[in-house]
């Protein structure tokens, strides 16, 4: 159960689904943990 309805609604709006984690960097969204994507976006 989502405690923060506004956050839940924002996630569904951005991704079209209810899943975690949702990571957003510079307006790009990825659902699930993708270490390579995250390192690239953060310049690591």
N, C-alpha and C. Protein backbone atom coordinates (compact mmCIF):
# COMPACT_ATOMS: atom_id res chain seq x y z
N UNK A 1 0.83 -1.18 0.00
CA UNK A 1 0.00 0.00 0.00
C UNK A 1 0.88 1.25 0.00
N UNK A 2 0.63 2.14 -0.90
CA UNK A 2 1.38 3.39 -0.98
C UNK A 2 0.84 4.38 0.05
N UNK A 3 1.73 4.92 0.85
CA UNK A 3 1.33 5.88 1.87
C UNK A 3 1.17 7.27 1.26
N UNK A 4 2.05 7.62 0.32
CA UNK A 4 2.03 8.94 -0.32
C UNK A 4 1.32 8.83 -1.67
N UNK A 5 0.03 9.13 -1.68
CA UNK A 5 -0.77 8.98 -2.90
C UNK A 5 -0.26 9.86 -4.03
N UNK A 6 0.19 11.08 -3.72
CA UNK A 6 0.69 11.98 -4.76
C UNK A 6 1.94 11.40 -5.42
N UNK A 7 2.84 10.83 -4.62
CA UNK A 7 4.05 10.22 -5.17
C UNK A 7 3.71 9.00 -6.01
N UNK A 8 2.76 8.20 -5.54
CA UNK A 8 2.32 7.03 -6.31
C UNK A 8 1.73 7.46 -7.65
N UNK A 9 0.88 8.46 -7.63
CA UNK A 9 0.27 8.95 -8.87
C UNK A 9 1.31 9.50 -9.83
N UNK A 10 2.31 10.21 -9.31
CA UNK A 10 3.39 10.74 -10.16
C UNK A 10 4.16 9.60 -10.82
N UNK A 11 4.45 8.55 -10.07
CA UNK A 11 5.19 7.41 -10.61
C UNK A 11 4.39 6.74 -11.73
N UNK A 12 3.11 6.54 -11.50
CA UNK A 12 2.27 5.91 -12.52
C UNK A 12 2.18 6.80 -13.76
N UNK A 13 2.11 8.11 -13.58
CA UNK A 13 2.06 9.03 -14.71
C UNK A 13 3.35 8.96 -15.53
N UNK A 14 4.49 8.91 -14.86
CA UNK A 14 5.79 8.89 -15.55
C UNK A 14 6.10 7.56 -16.20
N UNK A 15 5.68 6.45 -15.58
CA UNK A 15 6.09 5.13 -16.06
C UNK A 15 4.98 4.30 -16.66
N UNK A 16 3.74 4.66 -16.36
CA UNK A 16 2.62 3.88 -16.84
C UNK A 16 2.39 2.61 -16.04
N UNK A 17 3.11 2.44 -14.94
CA UNK A 17 2.91 1.25 -14.11
C UNK A 17 3.30 1.53 -12.67
N UNK A 18 2.96 0.60 -11.83
CA UNK A 18 3.24 0.70 -10.41
C UNK A 18 4.34 -0.29 -10.09
N UNK A 19 5.58 0.17 -10.10
CA UNK A 19 6.73 -0.70 -9.86
C UNK A 19 7.82 0.12 -9.17
N UNK A 20 8.71 -0.56 -8.51
CA UNK A 20 9.83 0.11 -7.85
C UNK A 20 11.11 -0.65 -8.12
N UNK A 21 12.25 -0.03 -8.08
CA UNK A 21 12.43 1.39 -7.91
C UNK A 21 12.19 2.14 -9.22
N UNK A 22 11.85 3.40 -9.11
CA UNK A 22 11.77 4.31 -10.24
C UNK A 22 12.84 5.35 -10.01
N UNK A 23 13.77 5.47 -10.95
CA UNK A 23 14.88 6.41 -10.81
C UNK A 23 14.80 7.42 -11.95
N UNK A 24 14.85 8.71 -11.60
CA UNK A 24 14.80 9.77 -12.60
C UNK A 24 16.06 10.62 -12.48
N UNK A 25 16.75 10.79 -13.61
CA UNK A 25 17.94 11.62 -13.67
C UNK A 25 17.80 12.53 -14.89
N UNK A 26 17.84 13.82 -14.67
CA UNK A 26 17.73 14.81 -15.76
C UNK A 26 16.52 14.56 -16.65
N UNK A 27 15.40 14.21 -16.05
CA UNK A 27 14.17 14.01 -16.80
C UNK A 27 14.03 12.66 -17.47
N UNK A 28 15.04 11.81 -17.40
CA UNK A 28 14.95 10.45 -17.95
C UNK A 28 14.62 9.49 -16.81
N UNK A 29 13.71 8.57 -17.11
CA UNK A 29 13.20 7.66 -16.08
C UNK A 29 13.54 6.23 -16.46
N UNK A 30 13.99 5.46 -15.45
CA UNK A 30 14.20 4.03 -15.63
C UNK A 30 13.45 3.33 -14.49
N UNK A 31 12.80 2.24 -14.82
CA UNK A 31 12.11 1.42 -13.82
C UNK A 31 12.98 0.21 -13.57
N UNK A 32 13.29 -0.03 -12.32
CA UNK A 32 14.18 -1.13 -11.96
C UNK A 32 15.59 -0.60 -11.78
N UNK A 33 16.42 -1.41 -11.22
CA UNK A 33 17.80 -1.00 -10.95
C UNK A 33 18.67 -1.38 -12.13
N UNK A 34 19.25 -0.37 -12.78
CA UNK A 34 20.15 -0.59 -13.90
C UNK A 34 21.45 0.15 -13.58
N UNK A 35 22.39 -0.58 -13.02
CA UNK A 35 23.63 0.04 -12.55
C UNK A 35 24.39 0.75 -13.66
N UNK A 36 24.46 0.17 -14.84
CA UNK A 36 25.19 0.81 -15.95
C UNK A 36 24.53 2.11 -16.37
N UNK A 37 23.21 2.13 -16.48
CA UNK A 37 22.47 3.34 -16.85
C UNK A 37 22.71 4.43 -15.81
N UNK A 38 22.60 4.05 -14.54
CA UNK A 38 22.76 5.00 -13.46
C UNK A 38 24.18 5.58 -13.43
N UNK A 39 25.18 4.75 -13.58
CA UNK A 39 26.57 5.24 -13.61
C UNK A 39 26.78 6.19 -14.79
N UNK A 40 26.22 5.86 -15.95
CA UNK A 40 26.37 6.72 -17.12
C UNK A 40 25.72 8.07 -16.85
N UNK A 41 24.51 8.08 -16.33
CA UNK A 41 23.77 9.33 -16.08
C UNK A 41 24.46 10.19 -15.02
N UNK A 42 25.11 9.55 -14.05
CA UNK A 42 25.78 10.29 -12.98
C UNK A 42 27.24 10.57 -13.29
N UNK A 43 27.71 10.11 -14.45
CA UNK A 43 29.09 10.36 -14.85
C UNK A 43 30.11 9.63 -14.01
N UNK A 44 29.75 8.43 -13.58
CA UNK A 44 30.68 7.65 -12.74
C UNK A 44 31.40 6.60 -13.54
